[in-house]
Amino acid sequence: MGLSNFVPQPLYREEEHRVWRTLYARMQERWDRYANLRYLEGMSALHLDPDRIPRLEDVNRFLCPRTGFVAKPVGGYVPAYVFFDCLRRREFPTTVTIRPADQLDYLPEPDIFHDVAGHVPMHTDAAFAEALVRFGECAHSAAELAGGIRDRKKRMRRIESILKAMARFFWFTVEFGLMRENDGLKACGSGLLSSYGELGHAIESPDVERVELRLEDVVHQPFEIDHYQPLLMVLESFEQLYDMVGSLERWIRSGRLDEVAPGEPQISMGDLKSFLVAEHVAA
């Protein structure tokens, strides 16, 4: 199933490069202080220009030889199954727009700074990259199973529950995960690594509850996107993440995710339909 929202990367105006430059400059001290070591190694390996929005073909010249991943430019919303299927094929849908200059601190949708400076450095790490591929396999398994359910309402309920569980796991690991490093905590989630305000808050604030990542907890844990996260989960390693995604797939196949706890995130009809279409591909 191909990426339906692929677009050419545009040429950027000088004011857009200025936004990138501002975001990058103010994050450097925070990355040095709060980012995990493999992220910092990835940033170094990618040779990102701190002054100019990168061309994705240049990013991929350094990324692809390390883990086989490539950044693929997209112009907006990518349906859930398509997104996860891209990960299965080692393609990361990468937003090509950049946030406005008056919204540096918060943007509800991803932009190229979030994707390239937040996500992509982690894709240079072999264990993390393999975990992303395994996320894609989870989506493939969910679509395959759904294809075997004749009753449409039952099929939709099962997909919605599984997708809610996957979204929660992805949120608390890939987007807002913490990890242990040298007897301390570091950020490994892209939502933290691309946020000037929340990165330090996640590590140091007494208002944040930090708990061990447990599969039986995270799949039932709602989250909201419009404020700093009050609850964060802590990984021991990216090898652990890979193993837990494997457990997630086994839970999908065994039916343990067919009725997860209600609450956020709400699953859109577009995301549900992407799995219904994928049934025929996965079967």
Protein backbone atom coordinates (compact mmCIF):
# COMPACT_ATOMS: atom_id res chain seq x y z
CA MET A 1 0.00 0.00 0.00
CA GLY A 2 1.75 3.18 -1.16
CA LEU A 3 2.07 6.57 0.46
CA SER A 4 -0.97 8.47 -0.84
CA ASN A 5 0.07 11.95 0.26
CA PHE A 6 3.56 12.10 -1.23
CA VAL A 7 4.53 15.58 -2.44
CA PRO A 8 7.71 17.18 -3.77
CA GLN A 9 9.60 19.13 -1.13
CA PRO A 10 9.13 22.85 -1.85
CA LEU A 11 11.69 25.61 -2.02
CA TYR A 12 11.56 27.63 1.20
CA ARG A 13 11.38 31.37 1.70
CA GLU A 14 14.01 33.13 3.76
CA GLU A 15 11.54 33.73 6.60
CA GLU A 16 10.92 29.97 6.76
CA HIS A 17 14.65 29.30 7.03
CA ARG A 18 14.71 31.91 9.80
CA VAL A 19 12.12 29.91 11.76
CA TRP A 20 14.27 26.76 11.40
CA ARG A 21 17.36 28.72 12.49
CA THR A 22 15.58 30.07 15.57
CA LEU A 23 14.18 26.69 16.59
CA TYR A 24 17.51 24.91 16.08
CA ALA A 25 19.60 27.51 17.92
CA ARG A 26 17.51 27.57 21.06
CA MET A 27 17.29 23.75 21.23
CA GLN A 28 21.02 23.02 21.13
CA GLU A 29 21.69 23.58 24.83
CA ARG A 30 18.62 21.56 25.75
CA TRP A 31 19.59 18.67 23.51
CA ASP A 32 23.05 18.57 25.07
CA ARG A 33 21.49 18.49 28.52
CA TYR A 34 18.40 16.31 28.15
CA ALA A 35 18.63 14.19 24.96
CA ASN A 36 19.72 10.55 25.00
CA LEU A 37 23.15 9.67 23.66
CA ARG A 38 21.92 7.81 20.58
CA TYR A 39 19.88 10.85 19.55
CA LEU A 40 22.96 13.08 19.86
CA GLU A 41 24.98 10.59 17.82
CA GLY A 42 22.21 10.60 15.21
CA MET A 43 22.18 14.38 15.00
CA SER A 44 25.91 14.35 14.41
CA ALA A 45 25.60 11.62 11.76
CA LEU A 46 22.93 13.50 9.79
CA HIS A 47 24.99 16.70 9.41
CA LEU A 48 21.92 18.93 9.60
CA ASP A 49 22.46 22.58 8.71
CA PRO A 50 21.48 24.71 11.73
CA ASP A 51 20.71 27.66 9.46
CA ARG A 52 18.68 26.15 6.61
CA ILE A 53 15.75 23.76 6.34
CA PRO A 54 17.34 20.54 5.06
CA ARG A 55 16.58 18.90 1.76
CA LEU A 56 15.34 15.40 2.50
CA GLU A 57 17.51 13.89 -0.20
CA ASP A 58 20.52 15.22 1.71
CA VAL A 59 19.18 13.81 4.99
CA ASN A 60 18.69 10.43 3.34
CA ARG A 61 22.27 10.31 2.04
CA PHE A 62 23.40 10.00 5.65
CA LEU A 63 20.37 8.17 7.09
CA CYS A 64 19.76 5.34 4.64
CA PRO A 65 23.21 3.69 4.82
CA ARG A 66 22.86 3.35 8.59
CA THR A 67 19.47 1.63 8.97
CA GLY A 68 17.81 1.57 5.55
CA PHE A 69 15.30 4.23 6.60
CA VAL A 70 14.47 7.18 4.34
CA ALA A 71 12.46 10.35 5.00
CA LYS A 72 9.57 10.65 2.51
CA PRO A 73 8.04 14.13 2.03
CA VAL A 74 4.30 14.49 2.73
CA GLY A 75 2.08 17.53 2.68
CA GLY A 76 -0.27 16.76 5.56
CA TYR A 77 -2.43 14.06 7.11
CA VAL A 78 -1.40 10.46 6.44
CA PRO A 79 -3.99 7.80 7.39
CA ALA A 80 -2.92 5.53 10.23
CA TYR A 81 -2.49 2.30 8.27
CA VAL A 82 -0.55 4.07 5.52
CA PHE A 83 1.73 5.65 8.14
CA PHE A 84 2.48 2.37 9.87
CA ASP A 85 2.88 0.53 6.56
CA CYS A 86 5.49 3.10 5.57
CA LEU A 87 7.40 2.28 8.75
CA ARG A 88 7.23 -1.41 7.83
CA ARG A 89 8.95 -0.51 4.56
CA ARG A 90 11.50 1.76 6.33
CA GLU A 91 9.94 4.95 5.03
CA PHE A 92 9.17 7.79 7.42
CA PRO A 93 6.41 10.21 6.28
CA THR A 94 8.02 13.61 6.84
CA THR A 95 6.02 16.83 6.86
CA VAL A 96 7.54 19.43 4.54
CA THR A 97 5.88 22.57 5.97
CA ILE A 98 7.35 24.55 8.88
CA ARG A 99 5.42 26.25 11.66
CA PRO A 100 4.66 29.99 11.52
CA ALA A 101 7.05 32.37 13.28
CA ASP A 102 4.33 33.28 15.82
CA GLN A 103 3.80 29.61 16.84
CA LEU A 104 7.31 28.54 17.79
CA ASP A 105 6.34 26.98 21.12
CA TYR A 106 3.28 24.92 20.24
CA LEU A 107 1.85 23.44 17.08
CA PRO A 108 -0.88 20.77 17.19
CA GLU A 109 0.26 19.19 13.91
CA PRO A 110 3.76 17.95 12.99
CA ASP A 111 6.06 20.16 10.94
CA ILE A 112 9.46 19.59 9.39
CA PHE A 113 11.31 20.65 12.53
CA HIS A 114 9.39 18.14 14.65
CA ASP A 115 9.92 15.38 12.08
CA VAL A 116 13.53 15.98 11.03
CA ALA A 117 15.02 17.32 14.27
CA GLY A 118 12.77 15.27 16.56
CA HIS A 119 12.14 11.91 14.88
CA VAL A 120 14.78 11.31 12.23
CA PRO A 121 17.96 11.32 14.39
CA MET A 122 16.50 8.35 16.27
CA HIS A 123 16.13 6.49 12.97
CA THR A 124 19.92 6.25 12.71
CA ASP A 125 19.92 3.79 15.63
CA ALA A 126 19.55 0.15 14.57
CA ALA A 127 17.50 -1.06 17.55
CA PHE A 128 15.12 1.90 17.42
CA ALA A 129 14.71 1.55 13.65
CA GLU A 130 13.87 -2.14 13.99
CA ALA A 131 11.22 -1.27 16.60
CA LEU A 132 9.59 1.11 14.11
CA VAL A 133 9.53 -1.61 11.45
CA ARG A 134 7.90 -3.90 13.98
CA PHE A 135 5.22 -1.25 14.64
CA GLY A 136 4.41 -1.50 10.97
CA GLU A 137 4.09 -5.26 11.27
CA CYS A 138 1.57 -4.72 14.08
CA ALA A 139 -0.63 -2.67 11.77
CA HIS A 140 -0.32 -5.32 9.07
CA SER A 141 -1.41 -7.99 11.57
CA ALA A 142 -4.39 -5.88 12.69
CA ALA A 143 -5.58 -5.38 9.11
CA GLU A 144 -5.14 -9.08 8.34
CA LEU A 145 -7.19 -10.08 11.38
CA ALA A 146 -9.91 -7.54 10.64
CA GLY A 147 -10.28 -8.97 7.16
CA GLY A 148 -11.46 -12.23 8.70
CA ILE A 149 -14.39 -10.64 10.59
CA ARG A 150 -17.56 -10.66 8.50
CA ASP A 151 -19.71 -8.46 10.73
CA ARG A 152 -18.85 -4.86 9.80
CA LYS A 153 -19.71 -3.32 13.19
CA LYS A 154 -17.64 -5.92 15.04
CA ARG A 155 -14.79 -5.40 12.58
CA MET A 156 -14.88 -1.62 13.12
CA ARG A 157 -14.94 -1.97 16.93
CA ARG A 158 -11.98 -4.32 16.87
CA ILE A 159 -9.91 -2.06 14.60
CA GLU A 160 -10.77 1.00 16.69
CA SER A 161 -9.68 -0.69 19.91
CA ILE A 162 -6.44 -2.04 18.45
CA LEU A 163 -5.61 1.30 16.84
CA LYS A 164 -6.28 3.12 20.12
CA ALA A 165 -3.86 0.76 21.88
CA MET A 166 -1.21 1.23 19.17
CA ALA A 167 -1.60 5.01 19.26
CA ARG A 168 -1.16 5.04 23.05
CA PHE A 169 1.94 2.86 22.89
CA PHE A 170 3.42 5.00 20.11
CA TRP A 171 2.65 8.21 22.03
CA PHE A 172 4.29 7.14 25.27
CA THR A 173 7.40 5.77 23.55
CA VAL A 174 8.22 7.21 20.13
CA GLU A 175 6.58 10.59 20.73
CA PHE A 176 6.93 11.27 24.48
CA GLY A 177 9.15 8.52 25.84
CA LEU A 178 11.84 8.83 28.48
CA MET A 179 14.68 6.35 28.92
CA ARG A 180 17.24 5.46 31.57
CA GLU A 181 20.82 6.40 30.80
CA ASN A 182 23.79 6.39 33.19
CA ASP A 183 21.56 6.24 36.28
CA GLY A 184 19.56 9.25 35.09
CA LEU A 185 16.69 10.04 32.72
CA LYS A 186 16.96 11.30 29.16
CA ALA A 187 14.36 12.09 26.51
CA CYS A 188 13.91 9.75 23.55
CA GLY A 189 10.48 10.85 22.29
CA SER A 190 10.34 13.21 19.34
CA GLY A 191 7.60 15.34 20.87
CA LEU A 192 9.97 16.14 23.72
CA LEU A 193 13.10 16.44 21.59
CA SER A 194 11.48 19.07 19.37
CA SER A 195 9.88 21.10 22.18
CA TYR A 196 11.87 23.88 23.83
CA GLY A 197 9.51 24.16 26.80
CA GLU A 198 8.50 20.58 27.44
CA LEU A 199 11.91 18.93 27.12
CA GLY A 200 13.28 20.30 30.39
CA HIS A 201 9.87 20.07 32.05
CA ALA A 202 9.65 16.35 31.25
CA ILE A 203 12.96 15.59 32.96
CA GLU A 204 12.94 17.97 35.91
CA SER A 205 9.42 19.09 36.84
CA PRO A 206 7.94 17.71 40.08
CA ASP A 207 4.53 17.96 38.40
CA VAL A 208 5.33 15.05 36.05
CA GLU A 209 4.68 11.48 37.14
CA ARG A 210 7.30 9.18 35.62
CA VAL A 211 6.54 5.47 35.66
CA GLU A 212 8.03 2.27 34.29
CA LEU A 213 6.72 1.41 30.84
CA ARG A 214 4.47 -1.63 31.14
CA LEU A 215 2.49 -2.93 28.19
CA GLU A 216 -0.52 -3.80 30.33
CA ASP A 217 -0.69 -0.19 31.50
CA VAL A 218 0.17 1.82 28.41
CA VAL A 219 -2.47 0.31 26.10
CA HIS A 220 -5.19 1.46 28.50
CA GLN A 221 -3.71 4.90 29.28
CA PRO A 222 -5.46 7.88 27.63
CA PHE A 223 -3.51 11.00 26.71
CA GLU A 224 -4.27 14.55 25.59
CA ILE A 225 -2.19 16.59 23.17
CA ASP A 226 -2.97 20.22 24.08
CA HIS A 227 -0.86 20.63 27.24
CA TYR A 228 2.38 19.44 28.82
CA GLN A 229 2.16 15.75 29.62
CA PRO A 230 1.48 15.01 33.32
CA LEU A 231 2.42 11.33 32.94
CA LEU A 232 5.45 9.95 31.12
CA MET A 233 6.73 6.39 30.80
CA VAL A 234 10.34 5.25 31.07
CA LEU A 235 12.11 2.77 28.79
CA GLU A 236 15.16 0.81 29.85
CA SER A 237 16.58 0.53 26.31
CA PHE A 238 15.59 0.47 22.66
CA GLU A 239 16.08 -3.28 22.71
CA GLN A 240 13.32 -3.37 25.33
CA LEU A 241 11.16 -1.24 23.03
CA TYR A 242 11.68 -3.73 20.20
CA ASP A 243 10.70 -6.65 22.44
CA MET A 244 7.60 -4.84 23.71
CA VAL A 245 6.40 -4.07 20.20
CA GLY A 246 6.72 -7.79 19.53
CA SER A 247 4.51 -8.43 22.55
CA LEU A 248 2.07 -5.83 21.26
CA GLU A 249 1.71 -7.77 18.01
CA ARG A 250 1.12 -11.01 19.91
CA TRP A 251 -1.57 -9.28 21.96
CA ILE A 252 -3.23 -8.08 18.75
CA ARG A 253 -3.34 -11.62 17.39
CA SER A 254 -4.55 -13.14 20.67
CA GLY A 255 -7.44 -10.67 21.07
CA ARG A 256 -6.06 -8.95 24.20
CA LEU A 257 -6.47 -5.52 22.59
CA ASP A 258 -10.03 -5.99 21.37
CA GLU A 259 -11.52 -3.98 24.25
CA VAL A 260 -9.03 -1.48 25.65
CA ALA A 261 -10.09 1.27 28.05
CA PRO A 262 -12.16 4.09 26.52
CA GLY A 263 -10.88 7.64 26.23
CA GLU A 264 -8.33 9.53 24.21
CA PRO A 265 -7.18 9.40 21.55
CA GLN A 266 -10.31 9.53 19.45
CA ILE A 267 -9.84 7.50 16.27
CA SER A 268 -10.93 9.27 13.10
CA MET A 269 -13.04 7.66 10.41
CA GLY A 270 -10.20 8.25 7.96
CA ASP A 271 -7.85 6.16 10.10
CA LEU A 272 -10.43 3.39 10.49
CA LYS A 273 -11.12 3.32 6.76
CA SER A 274 -7.40 3.05 6.02
CA PHE A 275 -7.40 -0.30 7.86
CA LEU A 276 -10.56 -1.47 6.08
CA VAL A 277 -8.96 -0.78 2.71
CA ALA A 278 -5.78 -2.48 3.88
CA GLU A 279 -7.63 -5.70 4.75
CA HIS A 280 -7.44 -6.75 1.09
CA VAL A 281 -3.73 -5.92 0.91
CA ALA A 282 -2.79 -7.69 4.15
CA ALA A 283 -4.84 -10.81 3.50
